[in-house]
């Protein structure tokens, strides 16, 4: 079964804004930061309480983009 793309062509700042729009705050009650996003990208996945989406990187010689993908397995 193919994974479903939730959001495509995001920068790290785009992931941060997506989290702010869709998840409001972290489990701790604090606002999301770019450092949080960097950690999620390093782990290649959002925490389960944030949807558990896989983070897939697509880069070329000039930039890096990410997409959030449903983890179906």
PDB file of N, CA and C in Angstrom:
ATOM      1  N   UNK A   1       0.841  -1.186   0.000  1.00  0.00           N
ATOM      2  CA  UNK A   1       0.000   0.000   0.000  1.00  0.00           C
ATOM      3  C   UNK A   1       0.881   1.243   0.000  1.00  0.00           C
ATOM      4  N   UNK A   2       0.550   2.206  -0.819  1.00  0.00           N
ATOM      5  CA  UNK A   2       1.349   3.418  -0.948  1.00  0.00           C
ATOM      6  C   UNK A   2       1.014   4.388   0.184  1.00  0.00           C
ATOM      7  N   UNK A   3       2.057   5.063   0.695  1.00  0.00           N
ATOM      8  CA  UNK A   3       1.862   6.075   1.735  1.00  0.00           C
ATOM      9  C   UNK A   3       1.199   7.310   1.143  1.00  0.00           C
ATOM     10  N   UNK A   4       0.384   7.973   1.932  1.00  0.00           N
ATOM     11  CA  UNK A   4      -0.302   9.178   1.495  1.00  0.00           C
ATOM     12  C   UNK A   4       0.464  10.408   1.946  1.00  0.00           C
ATOM     13  N   UNK A   5       0.714  11.317   1.016  1.00  0.00           N
ATOM     14  CA  UNK A   5       1.398  12.566   1.326  1.00  0.00           C
ATOM     15  C   UNK A   5       0.396  13.506   1.974  1.00  0.00           C
ATOM     16  N   UNK A   6       0.753  13.989   3.164  1.00  0.00           N
ATOM     17  CA  UNK A   6      -0.110  14.921   3.882  1.00  0.00           C
ATOM     18  C   UNK A   6       0.197  16.348   3.433  1.00  0.00           C
ATOM     19  N   UNK A   7       1.478  16.654   3.321  1.00  0.00           N
ATOM     20  CA  UNK A   7       1.915  17.984   2.890  1.00  0.00           C
ATOM     21  C   UNK A   7       3.233  17.827   2.162  1.00  0.00           C
ATOM     22  N   UNK A   8       3.403  18.530   1.050  1.00  0.00           N
ATOM     23  CA  UNK A   8       4.570  18.363   0.189  1.00  0.00           C
ATOM     24  C   UNK A   8       5.285  19.701   0.003  1.00  0.00           C
ATOM     25  N   UNK A   9       6.557  19.656  -0.333  1.00  0.00           N
ATOM     26  CA  UNK A   9       7.392  20.819  -0.636  1.00  0.00           C
ATOM     27  C   UNK A   9       7.461  21.814   0.526  1.00  0.00           C
ATOM     28  N   UNK A  10       7.785  21.328   1.696  1.00  0.00           N
ATOM     29  CA  UNK A  10       7.934  22.175   2.871  1.00  0.00           C
ATOM     30  C   UNK A  10       9.409  22.414   3.177  1.00  0.00           C
ATOM     31  N   UNK A  11       9.728  23.604   3.611  1.00  0.00           N
ATOM     32  CA  UNK A  11      11.030  23.868   4.201  1.00  0.00           C
ATOM     33  C   UNK A  11      10.902  23.574   5.690  1.00  0.00           C
ATOM     34  N   UNK A  12      11.984  23.705   6.445  1.00  0.00           N
ATOM     35  CA  UNK A  12      11.858  23.519   7.903  1.00  0.00           C
ATOM     36  C   UNK A  12      10.919  24.559   8.501  1.00  0.00           C
ATOM     37  N   UNK A  13      10.999  25.776   8.007  1.00  0.00           N
ATOM     38  CA  UNK A  13      10.078  26.814   8.482  1.00  0.00           C
ATOM     39  C   UNK A  13       8.644  26.465   8.106  1.00  0.00           C
ATOM     40  N   UNK A  14       8.459  25.860   6.940  1.00  0.00           N
ATOM     41  CA  UNK A  14       7.126  25.417   6.532  1.00  0.00           C
ATOM     42  C   UNK A  14       6.579  24.345   7.448  1.00  0.00           C
ATOM     43  N   UNK A  15       7.427  23.411   7.869  1.00  0.00           N
ATOM     44  CA  UNK A  15       6.993  22.384   8.825  1.00  0.00           C
ATOM     45  C   UNK A  15       6.604  23.045  10.137  1.00  0.00           C
ATOM     46  N   UNK A  16       7.393  24.024  10.576  1.00  0.00           N
ATOM     47  CA  UNK A  16       7.080  24.752  11.812  1.00  0.00           C
ATOM     48  C   UNK A  16       5.710  25.419  11.708  1.00  0.00           C
ATOM     49  N   UNK A  17       5.458  26.077  10.609  1.00  0.00           N
ATOM     50  CA  UNK A  17       4.153  26.746  10.435  1.00  0.00           C
ATOM     51  C   UNK A  17       3.018  25.736  10.348  1.00  0.00           C
ATOM     52  N   UNK A  18       3.260  24.588   9.701  1.00  0.00           N
ATOM     53  CA  UNK A  18       2.243  23.539   9.620  1.00  0.00           C
ATOM     54  C   UNK A  18       1.913  23.029  11.023  1.00  0.00           C
ATOM     55  N   UNK A  19       2.945  22.825  11.842  1.00  0.00           N
ATOM     56  CA  UNK A  19       2.721  22.383  13.222  1.00  0.00           C
ATOM     57  C   UNK A  19       1.925  23.422  14.002  1.00  0.00           C
ATOM     58  N   UNK A  20       2.270  24.694  13.845  1.00  0.00           N
ATOM     59  CA  UNK A  20       1.547  25.758  14.553  1.00  0.00           C
ATOM     60  C   UNK A  20       0.086  25.799  14.133  1.00  0.00           C
ATOM     61  N   UNK A  21      -0.183  25.591  12.853  1.00  0.00           N
ATOM     62  CA  UNK A  21      -1.557  25.638  12.343  1.00  0.00           C
ATOM     63  C   UNK A  21      -2.369  24.399  12.708  1.00  0.00           C
ATOM     64  N   UNK A  22      -1.716  23.236  12.753  1.00  0.00           N
ATOM     65  CA  UNK A  22      -2.445  21.983  12.914  1.00  0.00           C
ATOM     66  C   UNK A  22      -2.358  21.357  14.306  1.00  0.00           C
ATOM     67  N   UNK A  23      -1.356  21.713  15.068  1.00  0.00           N
ATOM     68  CA  UNK A  23      -1.162  21.076  16.371  1.00  0.00           C
ATOM     69  C   UNK A  23      -1.121  22.075  17.520  1.00  0.00           C
ATOM     70  N   UNK A  24      -1.081  23.353  17.251  1.00  0.00           N
ATOM     71  CA  UNK A  24      -1.093  24.452  18.205  1.00  0.00           C
ATOM     72  C   UNK A  24       0.135  24.477  19.113  1.00  0.00           C
ATOM     73  N   UNK A  25       0.255  23.554  20.078  1.00  0.00           N
ATOM     74  CA  UNK A  25       1.389  23.552  21.003  1.00  0.00           C
ATOM     75  C   UNK A  25       1.890  22.134  21.246  1.00  0.00           C
ATOM     76  N   UNK A  26       3.113  22.057  21.781  1.00  0.00           N
ATOM     77  CA  UNK A  26       3.699  20.763  22.125  1.00  0.00           C
ATOM     78  C   UNK A  26       3.008  20.186  23.355  1.00  0.00           C
ATOM     79  N   UNK A  27       3.325  18.948  23.648  1.00  0.00           N
ATOM     80  CA  UNK A  27       2.776  18.260  24.815  1.00  0.00           C
ATOM     81  C   UNK A  27       3.042  19.043  26.102  1.00  0.00           C
ATOM     82  N   UNK A  28       4.172  19.763  26.127  1.00  0.00           N
ATOM     83  CA  UNK A  28       4.552  20.546  27.307  1.00  0.00           C
ATOM     84  C   UNK A  28       3.736  21.829  27.447  1.00  0.00           C
ATOM     85  N   UNK A  29       2.978  22.171  26.409  1.00  0.00           N
ATOM     86  CA  UNK A  29       2.209  23.399  26.434  1.00  0.00           C
ATOM     87  C   UNK A  29       2.954  24.579  25.846  1.00  0.00           C
ATOM     88  N   UNK A  30       4.210  24.368  25.470  1.00  0.00           N
ATOM     89  CA  UNK A  30       5.020  25.437  24.891  1.00  0.00           C
ATOM     90  C   UNK A  30       4.824  25.491  23.379  1.00  0.00           C
ATOM     91  N   UNK A  31       5.181  26.624  22.809  1.00  0.00           N
ATOM     92  CA  UNK A  31       5.102  26.784  21.356  1.00  0.00           C
ATOM     93  C   UNK A  31       6.211  25.983  20.674  1.00  0.00           C
ATOM     94  N   UNK A  32       5.957  25.584  19.435  1.00  0.00           N
ATOM     95  CA  UNK A  32       6.975  24.888  18.655  1.00  0.00           C
ATOM     96  C   UNK A  32       8.088  25.858  18.285  1.00  0.00           C
ATOM     97  N   UNK A  33       9.310  25.323  18.147  1.00  0.00           N
ATOM     98  CA  UNK A  33      10.453  26.114  17.719  1.00  0.00           C
ATOM     99  C   UNK A  33      11.113  25.436  16.527  1.00  0.00           C
ATOM    100  N   UNK A  34      11.977  26.166  15.861  1.00  0.00           N
ATOM    101  CA  UNK A  34      12.716  25.589  14.747  1.00  0.00           C
ATOM    102  C   UNK A  34      13.630  24.466  15.230  1.00  0.00           C
ATOM    103  N   UNK A  35      14.110  24.562  16.455  1.00  0.00           N
ATOM    104  CA  UNK A  35      14.929  23.486  17.021  1.00  0.00           C
ATOM    105  C   UNK A  35      14.121  22.201  17.171  1.00  0.00           C
ATOM    106  N   UNK A  36      12.847  22.308  17.508  1.00  0.00           N
ATOM    107  CA  UNK A  36      11.977  21.130  17.566  1.00  0.00           C
ATOM    108  C   UNK A  36      11.906  20.475  16.189  1.00  0.00           C
ATOM    109  N   UNK A  37      11.695  21.292  15.173  1.00  0.00           N
ATOM    110  CA  UNK A  37      11.585  20.779  13.809  1.00  0.00           C
ATOM    111  C   UNK A  37      12.888  20.113  13.392  1.00  0.00           C
ATOM    112  N   UNK A  38      14.027  20.708  13.731  1.00  0.00           N
ATOM    113  CA  UNK A  38      15.315  20.102  13.397  1.00  0.00           C
ATOM    114  C   UNK A  38      15.443  18.714  14.019  1.00  0.00           C
ATOM    115  N   UNK A  39      14.992  18.569  15.246  1.00  0.00           N
ATOM    116  CA  UNK A  39      15.016  17.261  15.902  1.00  0.00           C
ATOM    117  C   UNK A  39      14.112  16.254  15.205  1.00  0.00           C
ATOM    118  N   UNK A  40      12.925  16.688  14.814  1.00  0.00           N
ATOM    119  CA  UNK A  40      12.002  15.788  14.114  1.00  0.00           C
ATOM    120  C   UNK A  40      12.595  15.360  12.773  1.00  0.00           C
ATOM    121  N   UNK A  41      13.228  16.301  12.064  1.00  0.00           N
ATOM    122  CA  UNK A  41      13.834  15.982  10.764  1.00  0.00           C
ATOM    123  C   UNK A  41      14.972  14.982  10.953  1.00  0.00           C
ATOM    124  N   UNK A  42      15.779  15.167  11.986  1.00  0.00           N
ATOM    125  CA  UNK A  42      16.873  14.212  12.248  1.00  0.00           C
ATOM    126  C   UNK A  42      16.330  12.815  12.516  1.00  0.00           C
ATOM    127  N   UNK A  43      15.191  12.740  13.225  1.00  0.00           N
ATOM    128  CA  UNK A  43      14.573  11.437  13.515  1.00  0.00           C
ATOM    129  C   UNK A  43      13.722  10.927  12.357  1.00  0.00           C
ATOM    130  N   UNK A  44      13.485  11.819  11.382  1.00  0.00           N
ATOM    131  CA  UNK A  44      12.696  11.504  10.181  1.00  0.00           C
ATOM    132  C   UNK A  44      11.242  11.147  10.489  1.00  0.00           C
ATOM    133  N   UNK A  45      10.747  11.675  11.577  1.00  0.00           N
ATOM    134  CA  UNK A  45       9.362  11.371  11.948  1.00  0.00           C
ATOM    135  C   UNK A  45       8.871  12.357  13.001  1.00  0.00           C
ATOM    136  N   UNK A  46       7.583  12.706  12.905  1.00  0.00           N
ATOM    137  CA  UNK A  46       6.957  13.489  13.962  1.00  0.00           C
ATOM    138  C   UNK A  46       6.555  12.538  15.086  1.00  0.00           C
ATOM    139  N   UNK A  47       6.526  13.015  16.316  1.00  0.00           N
ATOM    140  CA  UNK A  47       6.054  12.159  17.410  1.00  0.00           C
ATOM    141  C   UNK A  47       4.615  11.691  17.157  1.00  0.00           C
ATOM    142  N   UNK A  48       4.268  10.570  17.754  1.00  0.00           N
ATOM    143  CA  UNK A  48       2.930   9.993  17.550  1.00  0.00           C
ATOM    144  C   UNK A  48       1.819  10.971  17.942  1.00  0.00           C
ATOM    145  N   UNK A  49       2.015  11.734  19.018  1.00  0.00           N
ATOM    146  CA  UNK A  49       0.944  12.649  19.441  1.00  0.00           C
ATOM    147  C   UNK A  49       0.747  13.806  18.455  1.00  0.00           C
ATOM    148  N   UNK A  50       1.699  13.975  17.518  1.00  0.00           N
ATOM    149  CA  UNK A  50       1.577  14.996  16.470  1.00  0.00           C
ATOM    150  C   UNK A  50       1.183  14.371  15.128  1.00  0.00           C
ATOM    151  N   UNK A  51       0.788  13.124  15.140  1.00  0.00           N
ATOM    152  CA  UNK A  51       0.342  12.448  13.931  1.00  0.00           C
ATOM    153  C   UNK A  51       1.247  11.318  13.482  1.00  0.00           C
ATOM    154  N   UNK A  52       2.489  11.296  13.982  1.00  0.00           N
ATOM    155  CA  UNK A  52       3.407  10.231  13.637  1.00  0.00           C
ATOM    156  C   UNK A  52       3.815  10.192  12.173  1.00  0.00           C
ATOM    157  N   UNK A  53       3.659  11.316  11.461  1.00  0.00           N
ATOM    158  CA  UNK A  53       3.988  11.353  10.037  1.00  0.00           C
ATOM    159  C   UNK A  53       5.489  11.187   9.818  1.00  0.00           C
ATOM    160  N   UNK A  54       5.854  10.435   8.774  1.00  0.00           N
ATOM    161  CA  UNK A  54       7.253  10.335   8.372  1.00  0.00           C
ATOM    162  C   UNK A  54       7.636  11.641   7.684  1.00  0.00           C
ATOM    163  N   UNK A  55       8.879  12.045   7.861  1.00  0.00           N
ATOM    164  CA  UNK A  55       9.402  13.227   7.190  1.00  0.00           C
ATOM    165  C   UNK A  55      10.384  12.733   6.136  1.00  0.00           C
ATOM    166  N   UNK A  56      10.060  12.995   4.888  1.00  0.00           N
ATOM    167  CA  UNK A  56      10.881  12.541   3.772  1.00  0.00           C
ATOM    168  C   UNK A  56      11.548  13.762   3.152  1.00  0.00           C
ATOM    169  N   UNK A  57      12.883  13.714   3.033  1.00  0.00           N
ATOM    170  CA  UNK A  57      13.627  14.835   2.471  1.00  0.00           C
ATOM    171  C   UNK A  57      13.861  14.627   0.987  1.00  0.00           C
ATOM    172  N   UNK A  58      13.692  15.698   0.249  1.00  0.00           N
ATOM    173  CA  UNK A  58      14.032  15.712  -1.168  1.00  0.00           C
ATOM    174  C   UNK A  58      14.951  16.917  -1.359  1.00  0.00           C
ATOM    175  N   UNK A  59      16.180  16.662  -1.779  1.00  0.00           N
ATOM    176  CA  UNK A  59      17.091  17.787  -1.943  1.00  0.00           C
ATOM    177  C   UNK A  59      17.724  17.760  -3.321  1.00  0.00           C
ATOM    178  N   UNK A  60      18.151  18.939  -3.719  1.00  0.00           N
ATOM    179  CA  UNK A  60      18.953  19.061  -4.914  1.00  0.00           C
ATOM    180  C   UNK A  60      20.190  19.854  -4.525  1.00  0.00           C
ATOM    181  N   UNK A  61      20.961  20.293  -5.473  1.00  0.00           N
ATOM    182  CA  UNK A  61      22.203  20.968  -5.115  1.00  0.00           C
ATOM    183  C   UNK A  61      21.979  22.345  -4.494  1.00  0.00           C
ATOM    184  N   UNK A  62      20.777  22.882  -4.572  1.00  0.00           N
ATOM    185  CA  UNK A  62      20.515  24.228  -4.076  1.00  0.00           C
ATOM    186  C   UNK A  62      19.630  24.300  -2.846  1.00  0.00           C
ATOM    187  N   UNK A  63      18.792  23.314  -2.613  1.00  0.00           N
ATOM    188  CA  UNK A  63      17.840  23.428  -1.505  1.00  0.00           C
ATOM    189  C   UNK A  63      17.388  22.057  -1.012  1.00  0.00           C
ATOM    190  N   UNK A  64      16.741  22.095   0.144  1.00  0.00           N
ATOM    191  CA  UNK A  64      16.154  20.892   0.726  1.00  0.00           C
ATOM    192  C   UNK A  64      14.674  21.155   0.961  1.00  0.00           C
ATOM    193  N   UNK A  65      13.861  20.222   0.535  1.00  0.00           N
ATOM    194  CA  UNK A  65      12.432  20.280   0.807  1.00  0.00           C
ATOM    195  C   UNK A  65      12.030  18.994   1.502  1.00  0.00           C
ATOM    196  N   UNK A  66      10.942  19.070   2.234  1.00  0.00           N
ATOM    197  CA  UNK A  66      10.467  17.927   2.996  1.00  0.00           C
ATOM    198  C   UNK A  66       9.005  17.707   2.674  1.00  0.00           C
ATOM    199  N   UNK A  67       8.565  16.473   2.897  1.00  0.00           N
ATOM    200  CA  UNK A  67       7.138  16.211   2.810  1.00  0.00           C
ATOM    201  C   UNK A  67       6.755  15.364   4.021  1.00  0.00           C
ATOM    202  N   UNK A  68       5.543  15.553   4.480  1.00  0.00           N
ATOM    203  CA  UNK A  68       4.980  14.774   5.577  1.00  0.00           C
ATOM    204  C   UNK A  68       4.141  13.667   4.951  1.00  0.00           C
ATOM    205  N   UNK A  69       4.420  12.447   5.349  1.00  0.00           N
ATOM    206  CA  UNK A  69       3.792  11.277   4.753  1.00  0.00           C
ATOM    207  C   UNK A  69       3.184  10.418   5.847  1.00  0.00           C
ATOM    208  N   UNK A  70       1.963   9.945   5.626  1.00  0.00           N
ATOM    209  CA  UNK A  70       1.347   9.026   6.585  1.00  0.00           C
ATOM    210  C   UNK A  70       2.191   7.775   6.680  1.00  0.00           C
ATOM    211  N   UNK A  71       2.413   7.299   7.890  1.00  0.00           N
ATOM    212  CA  UNK A  71       3.200   6.096   8.111  1.00  0.00           C
ATOM    213  C   UNK A  71       2.247   4.911   8.183  1.00  0.00           C
ATOM    214  N   UNK A  72       2.148   4.167   7.081  1.00  0.00           N
ATOM    215  CA  UNK A  72       1.229   3.034   7.013  1.00  0.00           C
ATOM    216  C   UNK A  72       1.901   1.712   7.325  1.00  0.00           C
ATOM    217  N   UNK A  73       2.808   1.718   8.239  1.00  0.00           N
ATOM    218  CA  UNK A  73       3.400   0.435   8.554  1.00  0.00           C
ATOM    219  C   UNK A  73       4.721   0.608   9.113  1.00  0.00           C
TER     220      UNK A  73
END
